[in-house]
Amino acid sequence: MDTIDSLLGEADQAWRAYGVGSADRVALAAELRLDLRAAAADGGDPVQLLGGDVAGFARRLADEADVERVRRDYFRVLGNALIGAVLGVVLGYGILVAAYPALVRMIDFPRSIDVPIQLAVTVYYGTPAAVIIVGAVIAVRTRLRDLPQIRQTARIMSVLMPTAGIIITPVTIAFAWSTGYSTAPAVVVTEIAMVLFALAGATVLARHLSLRERATV
């Protein structure tokens, strides 16, 4: 029975990876358990019944049963998120350029109100990052309505992307500091690439978690 349970565990992992829902996984596992027990009762080896490739056998079994599979479409989700993020980059860069003189005056202006340079820099880089995140989430939510779990994906993105932004922002600021806060095109492109890389990772993770959320339902 330990062998059968182990095989069923491997099969379940394969079904999860294949996008098979919880109810269908239960039905497939029950059917497979009966076949494996019958093979063991006849003196056969359950492993040989599956041909040595548990994952492949599980996928074929799901195909033969014609179960519904969830479309992952990681590249579509990522592509649309990046489209929204790039549009956000354009808008955010415009905000950054427009705000730069005002922030410089705010920092250098002799006044009684002291604005810490760390706060000014955080606002300077954090505002465009927020615009990028909003653009990515809106693009995924509005352009991919046909995908299952896309609302959940966008919802999780709205949590993970700010988290990624919070993590990457000080890294980006540190890089900017190392360049003397240069606004040279090469420096700005590098900063943008750092942010987009972090947000892309958050997007893929959000899609994965949304599909896993459905698989456990």
N, C-alpha and C. Protein backbone atom coordinates (compact mmCIF):
# COMPACT_ATOMS: atom_id res chain seq x y z
N MET A 1 0.81 -1.20 0.00
CA MET A 1 0.00 0.00 0.00
C MET A 1 0.86 1.26 0.00
N ASP A 2 2.03 1.17 0.62
CA ASP A 2 2.93 2.32 0.63
C ASP A 2 3.33 2.67 -0.79
N THR A 3 3.59 1.63 -1.60
CA THR A 3 3.97 1.87 -2.99
C THR A 3 2.83 2.52 -3.75
N ILE A 4 1.63 2.02 -3.53
CA ILE A 4 0.46 2.58 -4.22
C ILE A 4 0.25 4.04 -3.81
N ASP A 5 0.34 4.31 -2.52
CA ASP A 5 0.17 5.69 -2.05
C ASP A 5 1.23 6.60 -2.64
N SER A 6 2.45 6.08 -2.73
CA SER A 6 3.53 6.87 -3.30
C SER A 6 3.27 7.18 -4.78
N LEU A 7 2.80 6.17 -5.51
CA LEU A 7 2.49 6.36 -6.93
C LEU A 7 1.35 7.35 -7.11
N LEU A 8 0.35 7.23 -6.25
CA LEU A 8 -0.78 8.15 -6.33
C LEU A 8 -0.34 9.58 -6.00
N GLY A 9 0.60 9.71 -5.07
CA GLY A 9 1.12 11.04 -4.75
C GLY A 9 1.84 11.65 -5.94
N GLU A 10 2.64 10.84 -6.64
CA GLU A 10 3.33 11.33 -7.84
C GLU A 10 2.33 11.69 -8.93
N ALA A 11 1.30 10.85 -9.08
CA ALA A 11 0.28 11.12 -10.09
C ALA A 11 -0.46 12.42 -9.78
N ASP A 12 -0.76 12.63 -8.50
CA ASP A 12 -1.46 13.85 -8.12
C ASP A 12 -0.63 15.08 -8.43
N GLN A 13 0.66 15.02 -8.17
CA GLN A 13 1.54 16.14 -8.50
C GLN A 13 1.54 16.40 -10.01
N ALA A 14 1.55 15.33 -10.79
CA ALA A 14 1.52 15.48 -12.24
C ALA A 14 0.21 16.10 -12.70
N TRP A 15 -0.90 15.69 -12.08
CA TRP A 15 -2.20 16.26 -12.45
C TRP A 15 -2.26 17.74 -12.08
N ARG A 16 -1.72 18.08 -10.94
CA ARG A 16 -1.69 19.49 -10.54
C ARG A 16 -0.91 20.31 -11.56
N ALA A 17 0.26 19.80 -11.91
CA ALA A 17 1.10 20.51 -12.89
C ALA A 17 0.44 20.58 -14.25
N TYR A 18 -0.44 19.62 -14.54
CA TYR A 18 -1.13 19.54 -15.83
C TYR A 18 -2.38 20.41 -15.85
N GLY A 19 -2.70 21.03 -14.71
CA GLY A 19 -3.85 21.91 -14.66
C GLY A 19 -5.17 21.23 -14.39
N VAL A 20 -5.14 20.03 -13.81
CA VAL A 20 -6.37 19.29 -13.51
C VAL A 20 -6.93 19.78 -12.18
N GLY A 21 -8.24 20.05 -12.16
CA GLY A 21 -8.89 20.55 -10.96
C GLY A 21 -9.00 19.52 -9.87
N SER A 22 -9.36 19.98 -8.67
CA SER A 22 -9.40 19.12 -7.49
C SER A 22 -10.38 17.96 -7.64
N ALA A 23 -11.62 18.25 -8.08
CA ALA A 23 -12.64 17.20 -8.19
C ALA A 23 -12.21 16.13 -9.19
N ASP A 24 -11.65 16.54 -10.30
CA ASP A 24 -11.19 15.58 -11.30
C ASP A 24 -10.01 14.77 -10.80
N ARG A 25 -9.14 15.40 -10.01
CA ARG A 25 -8.00 14.67 -9.46
C ARG A 25 -8.47 13.58 -8.51
N VAL A 26 -9.48 13.89 -7.71
CA VAL A 26 -10.01 12.89 -6.78
C VAL A 26 -10.59 11.71 -7.54
N ALA A 27 -11.35 12.00 -8.60
CA ALA A 27 -11.97 10.92 -9.40
C ALA A 27 -10.91 10.08 -10.09
N LEU A 28 -9.91 10.74 -10.67
CA LEU A 28 -8.84 10.01 -11.35
C LEU A 28 -8.05 9.16 -10.37
N ALA A 29 -7.77 9.70 -9.20
CA ALA A 29 -7.01 8.96 -8.19
C ALA A 29 -7.78 7.73 -7.71
N ALA A 30 -9.10 7.88 -7.53
CA ALA A 30 -9.90 6.74 -7.09
C ALA A 30 -9.88 5.62 -8.12
N GLU A 31 -9.99 6.00 -9.38
CA GLU A 31 -9.96 5.00 -10.46
C GLU A 31 -8.60 4.33 -10.54
N LEU A 32 -7.55 5.16 -10.44
CA LEU A 32 -6.20 4.61 -10.53
C LEU A 32 -5.90 3.72 -9.33
N ARG A 33 -6.38 4.10 -8.15
CA ARG A 33 -6.15 3.28 -6.95
C ARG A 33 -6.74 1.88 -7.14
N LEU A 34 -7.96 1.82 -7.69
CA LEU A 34 -8.59 0.52 -7.92
C LEU A 34 -7.76 -0.34 -8.88
N ASP A 35 -7.25 0.27 -9.94
CA ASP A 35 -6.44 -0.47 -10.91
C ASP A 35 -5.14 -0.97 -10.28
N LEU A 36 -4.51 -0.11 -9.47
CA LEU A 36 -3.25 -0.51 -8.84
C LEU A 36 -3.47 -1.62 -7.81
N ARG A 37 -4.55 -1.52 -7.06
CA ARG A 37 -4.86 -2.57 -6.09
C ARG A 37 -5.16 -3.89 -6.79
N ALA A 38 -5.88 -3.81 -7.91
CA ALA A 38 -6.17 -5.03 -8.66
C ALA A 38 -4.90 -5.66 -9.18
N ALA A 39 -3.98 -4.83 -9.67
CA ALA A 39 -2.70 -5.35 -10.17
C ALA A 39 -1.90 -5.99 -9.06
N ALA A 40 -1.90 -5.37 -7.88
CA ALA A 40 -1.15 -5.92 -6.74
C ALA A 40 -1.79 -7.22 -6.27
N ALA A 41 -3.13 -7.29 -6.29
CA ALA A 41 -3.82 -8.51 -5.86
C ALA A 41 -3.53 -9.68 -6.79
N ASP A 42 -3.28 -9.38 -8.05
CA ASP A 42 -2.96 -10.42 -9.04
C ASP A 42 -1.48 -10.77 -9.04
N GLY A 43 -0.74 -10.19 -8.11
CA GLY A 43 0.69 -10.47 -8.02
C GLY A 43 1.55 -9.61 -8.93
N GLY A 44 0.93 -8.61 -9.57
CA GLY A 44 1.70 -7.73 -10.46
C GLY A 44 2.37 -6.60 -9.72
N ASP A 45 3.21 -5.89 -10.44
CA ASP A 45 3.93 -4.75 -9.87
C ASP A 45 3.22 -3.46 -10.29
N PRO A 46 2.68 -2.69 -9.35
CA PRO A 46 1.99 -1.45 -9.70
C PRO A 46 2.86 -0.50 -10.52
N VAL A 47 4.15 -0.48 -10.25
CA VAL A 47 5.05 0.40 -10.97
C VAL A 47 5.09 0.03 -12.45
N GLN A 48 5.13 -1.28 -12.74
CA GLN A 48 5.15 -1.73 -14.12
C GLN A 48 3.84 -1.40 -14.84
N LEU A 49 2.74 -1.41 -14.09
CA LEU A 49 1.45 -1.05 -14.68
C LEU A 49 1.48 0.36 -15.24
N LEU A 50 2.23 1.23 -14.59
CA LEU A 50 2.33 2.63 -15.04
C LEU A 50 3.45 2.83 -16.04
N GLY A 51 4.14 1.77 -16.37
CA GLY A 51 5.19 1.87 -17.39
C GLY A 51 6.44 2.57 -16.94
N GLY A 52 6.60 2.79 -15.65
CA GLY A 52 7.81 3.43 -15.15
C GLY A 52 7.80 4.94 -15.26
N ASP A 53 6.79 5.50 -15.92
CA ASP A 53 6.68 6.95 -16.07
C ASP A 53 5.35 7.38 -15.46
N VAL A 54 5.37 7.66 -14.18
CA VAL A 54 4.12 7.97 -13.48
C VAL A 54 3.50 9.25 -14.02
N ALA A 55 4.32 10.30 -14.21
CA ALA A 55 3.80 11.58 -14.68
C ALA A 55 3.18 11.44 -16.07
N GLY A 56 3.88 10.73 -16.95
CA GLY A 56 3.36 10.54 -18.29
C GLY A 56 2.06 9.75 -18.30
N PHE A 57 2.01 8.70 -17.48
CA PHE A 57 0.80 7.89 -17.38
C PHE A 57 -0.36 8.73 -16.84
N ALA A 58 -0.07 9.57 -15.83
CA ALA A 58 -1.11 10.41 -15.24
C ALA A 58 -1.67 11.39 -16.26
N ARG A 59 -0.79 11.97 -17.07
CA ARG A 59 -1.26 12.92 -18.09
C ARG A 59 -2.11 12.20 -19.14
N ARG A 60 -1.68 11.00 -19.55
CA ARG A 60 -2.47 10.25 -20.54
C ARG A 60 -3.83 9.87 -19.96
N LEU A 61 -3.85 9.50 -18.69
CA LEU A 61 -5.11 9.14 -18.04
C LEU A 61 -6.06 10.34 -18.01
N ALA A 62 -5.51 11.52 -17.73
CA ALA A 62 -6.33 12.73 -17.72
C ALA A 62 -6.86 13.05 -19.12
N ASP A 63 -6.01 12.86 -20.12
CA ASP A 63 -6.46 13.11 -21.50
C ASP A 63 -7.56 12.14 -21.92
N GLU A 64 -7.39 10.87 -21.55
CA GLU A 64 -8.40 9.86 -21.91
C GLU A 64 -9.73 10.14 -21.21
N ALA A 65 -9.65 10.69 -19.98
CA ALA A 65 -10.87 11.01 -19.24
C ALA A 65 -11.48 12.34 -19.70
N ASP A 66 -10.74 13.06 -20.55
CA ASP A 66 -11.22 14.34 -21.11
C ASP A 66 -11.60 15.33 -20.00
N VAL A 67 -10.72 15.43 -19.00
CA VAL A 67 -11.00 16.35 -17.90
C VAL A 67 -10.65 17.77 -18.33
N GLU A 68 -11.27 18.73 -17.66
CA GLU A 68 -11.00 20.14 -17.96
C GLU A 68 -9.65 20.54 -17.36
N ARG A 69 -8.87 21.24 -18.14
CA ARG A 69 -7.58 21.71 -17.67
C ARG A 69 -7.56 23.24 -17.65
N VAL A 70 -6.86 23.77 -16.67
CA VAL A 70 -6.73 25.22 -16.56
C VAL A 70 -5.63 25.70 -17.48
N ARG A 71 -5.92 26.73 -18.26
CA ARG A 71 -4.90 27.31 -19.14
C ARG A 71 -3.98 28.21 -18.32
N ARG A 72 -2.70 27.90 -18.37
CA ARG A 72 -1.75 28.68 -17.60
C ARG A 72 -1.38 29.98 -18.30
N ASP A 73 -0.93 29.87 -19.54
CA ASP A 73 -0.61 31.05 -20.35
C ASP A 73 0.29 32.03 -19.62
N TYR A 74 1.37 31.51 -19.05
CA TYR A 74 2.30 32.39 -18.35
C TYR A 74 2.84 33.49 -19.26
N PHE A 75 3.15 33.13 -20.50
CA PHE A 75 3.76 34.11 -21.39
C PHE A 75 2.77 35.21 -21.78
N ARG A 76 1.48 34.83 -21.96
CA ARG A 76 0.47 35.86 -22.26
C ARG A 76 0.30 36.80 -21.08
N VAL A 77 0.24 36.23 -19.88
CA VAL A 77 0.08 37.07 -18.70
C VAL A 77 1.29 37.98 -18.53
N LEU A 78 2.48 37.40 -18.67
CA LEU A 78 3.70 38.18 -18.52
C LEU A 78 3.81 39.24 -19.60
N GLY A 79 3.46 38.85 -20.84
CA GLY A 79 3.55 39.80 -21.95
C GLY A 79 2.63 41.00 -21.75
N ASN A 80 1.39 40.72 -21.35
CA ASN A 80 0.45 41.82 -21.13
C ASN A 80 0.83 42.66 -19.92
N ALA A 81 1.35 42.01 -18.90
CA ALA A 81 1.82 42.76 -17.73
C ALA A 81 2.95 43.70 -18.12
N LEU A 82 3.84 43.21 -18.97
CA LEU A 82 4.96 44.05 -19.41
C LEU A 82 4.49 45.19 -20.30
N ILE A 83 3.45 44.92 -21.12
CA ILE A 83 2.89 46.00 -21.94
C ILE A 83 2.36 47.11 -21.04
N GLY A 84 1.57 46.69 -20.03
CA GLY A 84 1.06 47.68 -19.08
C GLY A 84 2.18 48.36 -18.32
N ALA A 85 3.21 47.59 -17.96
CA ALA A 85 4.33 48.17 -17.21
C ALA A 85 5.11 49.16 -18.06
N VAL A 86 5.30 48.84 -19.35
CA VAL A 86 6.03 49.75 -20.25
C VAL A 86 5.26 51.05 -20.41
N LEU A 87 3.93 50.94 -20.57
CA LEU A 87 3.13 52.17 -20.63
C LEU A 87 3.27 52.95 -19.33
N GLY A 88 3.32 52.21 -18.22
CA GLY A 88 3.54 52.85 -16.94
C GLY A 88 4.92 53.49 -16.85
N VAL A 89 5.89 52.84 -17.48
CA VAL A 89 7.25 53.40 -17.50
C VAL A 89 7.25 54.76 -18.20
N VAL A 90 6.56 54.81 -19.35
CA VAL A 90 6.51 56.07 -20.10
C VAL A 90 5.88 57.17 -19.25
N LEU A 91 4.72 56.83 -18.65
CA LEU A 91 4.04 57.82 -17.81
C LEU A 91 4.87 58.14 -16.57
N GLY A 92 5.43 57.08 -15.95
CA GLY A 92 6.23 57.29 -14.75
C GLY A 92 7.48 58.10 -15.02
N TYR A 93 8.12 57.85 -16.18
CA TYR A 93 9.32 58.62 -16.51
C TYR A 93 8.97 60.08 -16.74
N GLY A 94 7.79 60.29 -17.34
CA GLY A 94 7.34 61.67 -17.52
C GLY A 94 7.13 62.36 -16.18
N ILE A 95 6.53 61.62 -15.25
CA ILE A 95 6.34 62.18 -13.90
C ILE A 95 7.68 62.46 -13.24
N LEU A 96 8.61 61.50 -13.42
CA LEU A 96 9.94 61.64 -12.82
C LEU A 96 10.65 62.89 -13.35
N VAL A 97 10.61 63.08 -14.67
CA VAL A 97 11.29 64.24 -15.27
C VAL A 97 10.63 65.54 -14.83
N ALA A 98 9.29 65.51 -14.79
CA ALA A 98 8.57 66.72 -14.40
C ALA A 98 8.80 67.06 -12.93
N ALA A 99 8.92 66.01 -12.09
CA ALA A 99 9.04 66.25 -10.65
C ALA A 99 10.47 66.57 -10.23
N TYR A 100 11.43 66.25 -11.07
CA TYR A 100 12.84 66.40 -10.68
C TYR A 100 13.19 67.84 -10.25
N PRO A 101 12.86 68.84 -11.05
CA PRO A 101 13.22 70.21 -10.62
C PRO A 101 12.55 70.59 -9.31
N ALA A 102 11.28 70.20 -9.14
CA ALA A 102 10.57 70.56 -7.91
C ALA A 102 11.22 69.90 -6.70
N LEU A 103 11.62 68.63 -6.85
CA LEU A 103 12.26 67.94 -5.73
C LEU A 103 13.61 68.55 -5.40
N VAL A 104 14.35 68.94 -6.43
CA VAL A 104 15.65 69.58 -6.20
C VAL A 104 15.46 70.88 -5.43
N ARG A 105 14.46 71.68 -5.84
CA ARG A 105 14.19 72.93 -5.13
C ARG A 105 13.75 72.65 -3.70
N MET A 106 12.96 71.57 -3.52
CA MET A 106 12.47 71.24 -2.19
C MET A 106 13.62 70.88 -1.26
N ILE A 107 14.61 70.16 -1.82
CA ILE A 107 15.74 69.72 -1.01
C ILE A 107 16.69 70.88 -0.73
N ASP A 108 16.94 71.72 -1.76
CA ASP A 108 17.94 72.78 -1.64
C ASP A 108 17.39 74.09 -1.07
N PHE A 109 16.07 74.22 -1.05
CA PHE A 109 15.47 75.48 -0.64
C PHE A 109 15.77 75.75 0.85
N PRO A 110 16.33 76.93 1.17
CA PRO A 110 16.59 77.24 2.58
C PRO A 110 15.27 77.53 3.30
N ARG A 111 14.92 76.68 4.19
CA ARG A 111 13.61 76.75 4.79
C ARG A 111 13.67 76.25 6.21
N SER A 112 12.55 76.47 6.89
CA SER A 112 12.44 75.96 8.25
C SER A 112 11.99 74.51 8.25
N ILE A 113 11.30 74.08 7.17
CA ILE A 113 10.83 72.70 7.09
C ILE A 113 11.92 71.87 6.44
N ASP A 114 12.41 70.91 7.16
CA ASP A 114 13.50 70.08 6.65
C ASP A 114 12.92 68.80 6.02
N VAL A 115 13.14 68.61 4.73
CA VAL A 115 12.70 67.41 4.02
C VAL A 115 13.90 66.48 3.86
N PRO A 116 13.91 65.34 4.53
CA PRO A 116 15.05 64.42 4.41
C PRO A 116 15.25 64.01 2.96
N ILE A 117 16.49 63.97 2.54
CA ILE A 117 16.77 63.60 1.16
C ILE A 117 16.33 62.18 0.86
N GLN A 118 16.37 61.28 1.90
CA GLN A 118 15.91 59.91 1.69
C GLN A 118 14.44 59.87 1.32
N LEU A 119 13.64 60.74 1.98
CA LEU A 119 12.21 60.80 1.67
C LEU A 119 11.98 61.33 0.27
N ALA A 120 12.70 62.35 -0.09
CA ALA A 120 12.54 62.92 -1.42
C ALA A 120 12.91 61.92 -2.51
N VAL A 121 14.01 61.20 -2.28
CA VAL A 121 14.45 60.21 -3.26
C VAL A 121 13.44 59.07 -3.35
N THR A 122 12.90 58.64 -2.19
CA THR A 122 11.91 57.56 -2.19
C THR A 122 10.67 57.96 -2.98
N VAL A 123 10.21 59.19 -2.77
CA VAL A 123 9.05 59.68 -3.51
C VAL A 123 9.39 59.77 -5.00
N TYR A 124 10.59 60.24 -5.29
CA TYR A 124 11.03 60.43 -6.67
C TYR A 124 11.03 59.12 -7.44
N TYR A 125 11.50 58.05 -6.81
CA TYR A 125 11.55 56.75 -7.48
C TYR A 125 10.31 55.90 -7.21
N GLY A 126 9.67 56.11 -6.06
CA GLY A 126 8.52 55.29 -5.72
C GLY A 126 7.28 55.61 -6.52
N THR A 127 7.09 56.89 -6.86
CA THR A 127 5.90 57.27 -7.64
C THR A 127 5.87 56.62 -9.02
N PRO A 128 6.96 56.70 -9.80
CA PRO A 128 6.94 55.99 -11.09
C PRO A 128 6.75 54.48 -10.93
N ALA A 129 7.33 53.89 -9.87
CA ALA A 129 7.16 52.46 -9.65
C ALA A 129 5.71 52.11 -9.40
N ALA A 130 5.01 52.96 -8.66
CA ALA A 130 3.58 52.73 -8.39
C ALA A 130 2.78 52.80 -9.68
N VAL A 131 3.12 53.75 -10.55
CA VAL A 131 2.42 53.88 -11.83
C VAL A 131 2.66 52.64 -12.69
N ILE A 132 3.87 52.11 -12.67
CA ILE A 132 4.19 50.91 -13.43
C ILE A 132 3.37 49.73 -12.94
N ILE A 133 3.27 49.56 -11.63
CA ILE A 133 2.51 48.45 -11.04
C ILE A 133 1.04 48.54 -11.43
N VAL A 134 0.47 49.72 -11.30
CA VAL A 134 -0.94 49.91 -11.65
C VAL A 134 -1.16 49.59 -13.13
N GLY A 135 -0.26 50.04 -13.98
CA GLY A 135 -0.39 49.76 -15.41
C GLY A 135 -0.36 48.28 -15.71
N ALA A 136 0.53 47.54 -15.05
CA ALA A 136 0.65 46.10 -15.28
C ALA A 136 -0.60 45.36 -14.83
N VAL A 137 -1.10 45.68 -13.64
CA VAL A 137 -2.28 44.99 -13.11
C VAL A 137 -3.51 45.28 -13.97
N ILE A 138 -3.69 46.54 -14.36
CA ILE A 138 -4.84 46.89 -15.19
C ILE A 138 -4.78 46.20 -16.55
N ALA A 139 -3.59 46.13 -17.13
CA ALA A 139 -3.44 45.48 -18.43
C ALA A 139 -3.82 44.01 -18.37
N VAL A 140 -3.35 43.32 -17.35
CA VAL A 140 -3.66 41.89 -17.20
C VAL A 140 -5.15 41.69 -16.95
N ARG A 141 -5.71 42.52 -16.10
CA ARG A 141 -7.12 42.35 -15.73
C ARG A 141 -8.07 42.65 -16.88
N THR A 142 -7.74 43.63 -17.71
CA THR A 142 -8.66 44.06 -18.77
C THR A 142 -8.42 43.36 -20.10
N ARG A 143 -7.18 42.97 -20.39
CA ARG A 143 -6.88 42.40 -21.70
C ARG A 143 -6.98 40.88 -21.74
N LEU A 144 -7.04 40.23 -20.58
CA LEU A 144 -7.03 38.77 -20.54
C LEU A 144 -8.28 38.23 -19.84
N ARG A 145 -9.41 38.81 -20.13
CA ARG A 145 -10.64 38.38 -19.47
C ARG A 145 -11.00 36.94 -19.79
N ASP A 146 -10.48 36.42 -20.92
CA ASP A 146 -10.84 35.06 -21.33
C ASP A 146 -10.12 33.99 -20.53
N LEU A 147 -9.06 34.36 -19.83
CA LEU A 147 -8.28 33.35 -19.09
C LEU A 147 -8.93 33.00 -17.76
N PRO A 148 -8.95 31.71 -17.41
CA PRO A 148 -9.46 31.34 -16.09
C PRO A 148 -8.54 31.86 -14.99
N GLN A 149 -9.13 32.19 -13.87
CA GLN A 149 -8.40 32.66 -12.70
C GLN A 149 -7.68 34.00 -12.93
N ILE A 150 -8.07 34.74 -13.97
CA ILE A 150 -7.33 35.97 -14.24
C ILE A 150 -7.63 37.04 -13.20
N ARG A 151 -8.86 37.04 -12.65
CA ARG A 151 -9.16 38.00 -11.60
C ARG A 151 -8.31 37.72 -10.37
N GLN A 152 -8.17 36.42 -10.05
CA GLN A 152 -7.34 36.05 -8.90
C GLN A 152 -5.88 36.40 -9.18
N THR A 153 -5.46 36.18 -10.43
CA THR A 153 -4.08 36.52 -10.80
C THR A 153 -3.82 38.01 -10.59
N ALA A 154 -4.75 38.84 -11.08
CA ALA A 154 -4.59 40.30 -10.93
C ALA A 154 -4.63 40.69 -9.45
N ARG A 155 -5.49 40.02 -8.69
CA ARG A 155 -5.58 40.33 -7.26
C ARG A 155 -4.27 40.02 -6.54
N ILE A 156 -3.69 38.86 -6.85
CA ILE A 156 -2.42 38.49 -6.21
C ILE A 156 -1.30 39.39 -6.71
N MET A 157 -1.36 39.75 -7.99
CA MET A 157 -0.36 40.69 -8.53
C MET A 157 -0.39 42.01 -7.77
N SER A 158 -1.58 42.46 -7.41
CA SER A 158 -1.71 43.74 -6.72
C SER A 158 -1.06 43.70 -5.34
N VAL A 159 -0.81 42.49 -4.83
CA VAL A 159 -0.12 42.34 -3.55
C VAL A 159 1.37 42.09 -3.76
N LEU A 160 1.69 41.16 -4.68
CA LEU A 160 3.08 40.77 -4.88
C LEU A 160 3.90 41.86 -5.58
N MET A 161 3.28 42.57 -6.52
CA MET A 161 4.06 43.57 -7.25
C MET A 161 4.50 44.73 -6.37
N PRO A 162 3.61 45.27 -5.50
CA PRO A 162 4.12 46.29 -4.57
C PRO A 162 5.21 45.75 -3.65
N THR A 163 5.05 44.47 -3.25
CA THR A 163 6.09 43.87 -2.41
C THR A 163 7.41 43.82 -3.16
N ALA A 164 7.34 43.39 -4.42
CA ALA A 164 8.55 43.37 -5.24
C ALA A 164 9.09 44.78 -5.42
N GLY A 165 8.17 45.73 -5.57
CA GLY A 165 8.60 47.12 -5.72
C GLY A 165 9.29 47.65 -4.47
N ILE A 166 8.75 47.28 -3.30
CA ILE A 166 9.37 47.71 -2.04
C ILE A 166 10.78 47.13 -1.92
N ILE A 167 10.93 45.89 -2.41
CA ILE A 167 12.25 45.24 -2.32
C ILE A 167 13.22 45.85 -3.32
N ILE A 168 12.74 46.08 -4.55
CA ILE A 168 13.65 46.52 -5.61
C ILE A 168 13.95 48.01 -5.54
N THR A 169 13.04 48.80 -4.92
CA THR A 169 13.25 50.25 -4.89
C THR A 169 14.54 50.64 -4.18
N PRO A 170 14.82 50.13 -2.96
CA PRO A 170 16.10 50.50 -2.34
C PRO A 170 17.31 50.01 -3.13
N VAL A 171 17.14 48.88 -3.82
CA VAL A 171 18.24 48.39 -4.67
C VAL A 171 18.48 49.37 -5.81
N THR A 172 17.37 49.82 -6.41
CA THR A 172 17.48 50.78 -7.51
C THR A 172 18.05 52.11 -7.01
N ILE A 173 17.60 52.53 -5.83
CA ILE A 173 18.11 53.78 -5.26
C ILE A 173 19.62 53.67 -4.99
N ALA A 174 20.02 52.50 -4.48
CA ALA A 174 21.46 52.30 -4.22
C ALA A 174 22.26 52.38 -5.52
N PHE A 175 21.70 51.79 -6.57
CA PHE A 175 22.38 51.88 -7.87
C PHE A 175 22.43 53.32 -8.34
N ALA A 176 21.30 54.04 -8.18
CA ALA A 176 21.26 55.45 -8.60
C ALA A 176 22.28 56.27 -7.80
N TRP A 177 22.37 55.99 -6.49
CA TRP A 177 23.34 56.69 -5.65
C TRP A 177 24.77 56.45 -6.14
N SER A 178 25.02 55.20 -6.56
CA SER A 178 26.37 54.86 -7.03
C SER A 178 26.73 55.61 -8.31
N THR A 179 25.71 56.08 -9.03
CA THR A 179 25.96 56.84 -10.27
C THR A 179 25.81 58.34 -10.05
N GLY A 180 25.64 58.74 -8.77
CA GLY A 180 25.43 60.15 -8.48
C GLY A 180 24.06 60.63 -8.90
N TYR A 181 23.09 59.71 -8.88
CA TYR A 181 21.72 60.00 -9.31
C TYR A 181 21.69 60.59 -10.71
N SER A 182 22.46 59.95 -11.57
CA SER A 182 22.53 60.40 -12.96
C SER A 182 21.21 60.14 -13.68
N THR A 183 20.87 61.05 -14.59
CA THR A 183 19.69 60.86 -15.44
C THR A 183 20.11 60.50 -16.87
N ALA A 184 21.34 60.03 -17.01
CA ALA A 184 21.81 59.60 -18.33
C ALA A 184 20.94 58.44 -18.82
N PRO A 185 20.67 58.38 -20.13
CA PRO A 185 19.79 57.33 -20.66
C PRO A 185 20.20 55.92 -20.26
N ALA A 186 21.50 55.61 -20.30
CA ALA A 186 21.95 54.26 -19.96
C ALA A 186 21.63 53.93 -18.50
N VAL A 187 21.78 54.90 -17.62
CA VAL A 187 21.49 54.69 -16.21
C VAL A 187 20.00 54.49 -15.99
N VAL A 188 19.20 55.34 -16.63
CA VAL A 188 17.75 55.24 -16.49
C VAL A 188 17.24 53.90 -17.03
N VAL A 189 17.77 53.46 -18.18
CA VAL A 189 17.36 52.18 -18.77
C VAL A 189 17.71 51.03 -17.83
N THR A 190 18.88 51.09 -17.21
CA THR A 190 19.28 50.05 -16.26
C THR A 190 18.34 50.01 -15.07
N GLU A 191 17.99 51.17 -14.55
CA GLU A 191 17.06 51.24 -13.42
C GLU A 191 15.69 50.66 -13.80
N ILE A 192 15.23 51.00 -14.99
CA ILE A 192 13.95 50.48 -15.46
C ILE A 192 14.00 48.97 -15.60
N ALA A 193 15.11 48.46 -16.15
CA ALA A 193 15.25 47.01 -16.34
C ALA A 193 15.23 46.28 -14.99
N MET A 194 15.85 46.86 -13.98
CA MET A 194 15.85 46.25 -12.65
C MET A 194 14.43 46.14 -12.11
N VAL A 195 13.68 47.21 -12.28
CA VAL A 195 12.30 47.23 -11.78
C VAL A 195 11.44 46.22 -12.55
N LEU A 196 11.57 46.21 -13.89
CA LEU A 196 10.77 45.31 -14.71
C LEU A 196 11.09 43.85 -14.41
N PHE A 197 12.34 43.54 -14.14
CA PHE A 197 12.73 42.17 -13.82
C PHE A 197 12.06 41.72 -12.53
N ALA A 198 12.06 42.58 -11.54
CA ALA A 198 11.41 42.24 -10.26
C ALA A 198 9.91 42.07 -10.44
N LEU A 199 9.29 42.95 -11.22
CA LEU A 199 7.85 42.88 -11.43
C LEU A 199 7.47 41.67 -12.28
N ALA A 200 8.33 41.29 -13.21
CA ALA A 200 8.07 40.10 -14.02
C ALA A 200 8.05 38.85 -13.13
N GLY A 201 9.00 38.77 -12.22
CA GLY A 201 9.02 37.64 -11.29
C GLY A 201 7.77 37.60 -10.44
N ALA A 202 7.31 38.77 -9.98
CA ALA A 202 6.09 38.83 -9.17
C ALA A 202 4.88 38.41 -9.98
N THR A 203 4.86 38.76 -11.27
CA THR A 203 3.74 38.41 -12.14
C THR A 203 3.65 36.90 -12.34
N VAL A 204 4.76 36.28 -12.65
CA VAL A 204 4.78 34.82 -12.85
C VAL A 204 4.37 34.11 -11.57
N LEU A 205 4.88 34.58 -10.45
CA LEU A 205 4.52 33.96 -9.16
C LEU A 205 3.03 34.14 -8.87
N ALA A 206 2.48 35.31 -9.20
CA ALA A 206 1.05 35.55 -8.98
C ALA A 206 0.20 34.59 -9.80
N ARG A 207 0.59 34.38 -11.06
CA ARG A 207 -0.17 33.45 -11.90
C ARG A 207 -0.08 32.03 -11.35
N HIS A 208 1.11 31.65 -10.93
CA HIS A 208 1.29 30.31 -10.37
C HIS A 208 0.42 30.12 -9.13
N LEU A 209 0.42 31.09 -8.25
CA LEU A 209 -0.35 30.97 -7.01
C LEU A 209 -1.85 30.97 -7.28
N SER A 210 -2.30 31.73 -8.28
CA SER A 210 -3.73 31.75 -8.58
C SER A 210 -4.18 30.41 -9.13
N LEU A 211 -3.34 29.76 -9.94
CA LEU A 211 -3.69 28.44 -10.46
C LEU A 211 -3.63 27.40 -9.35
N ARG A 212 -2.67 27.55 -8.47
CA ARG A 212 -2.59 26.61 -7.34
C ARG A 212 -3.79 26.78 -6.43
N GLU A 213 -4.26 28.02 -6.30
CA GLU A 213 -5.45 28.31 -5.49
C GLU A 213 -6.65 27.59 -6.04
N ARG A 214 -6.79 27.60 -7.38
CA ARG A 214 -7.90 26.89 -8.00
C ARG A 214 -7.76 25.38 -7.84
N ALA A 215 -6.50 24.90 -7.94
CA ALA A 215 -6.28 23.45 -7.86
C ALA A 215 -6.66 22.88 -6.50
N THR A 216 -6.63 23.73 -5.47
CA THR A 216 -6.96 23.24 -4.14
C THR A 216 -8.42 23.40 -3.81
N VAL A 217 -9.18 24.04 -4.71
CA VAL A 217 -10.61 24.23 -4.47
C VAL A 217 -11.39 22.94 -4.69
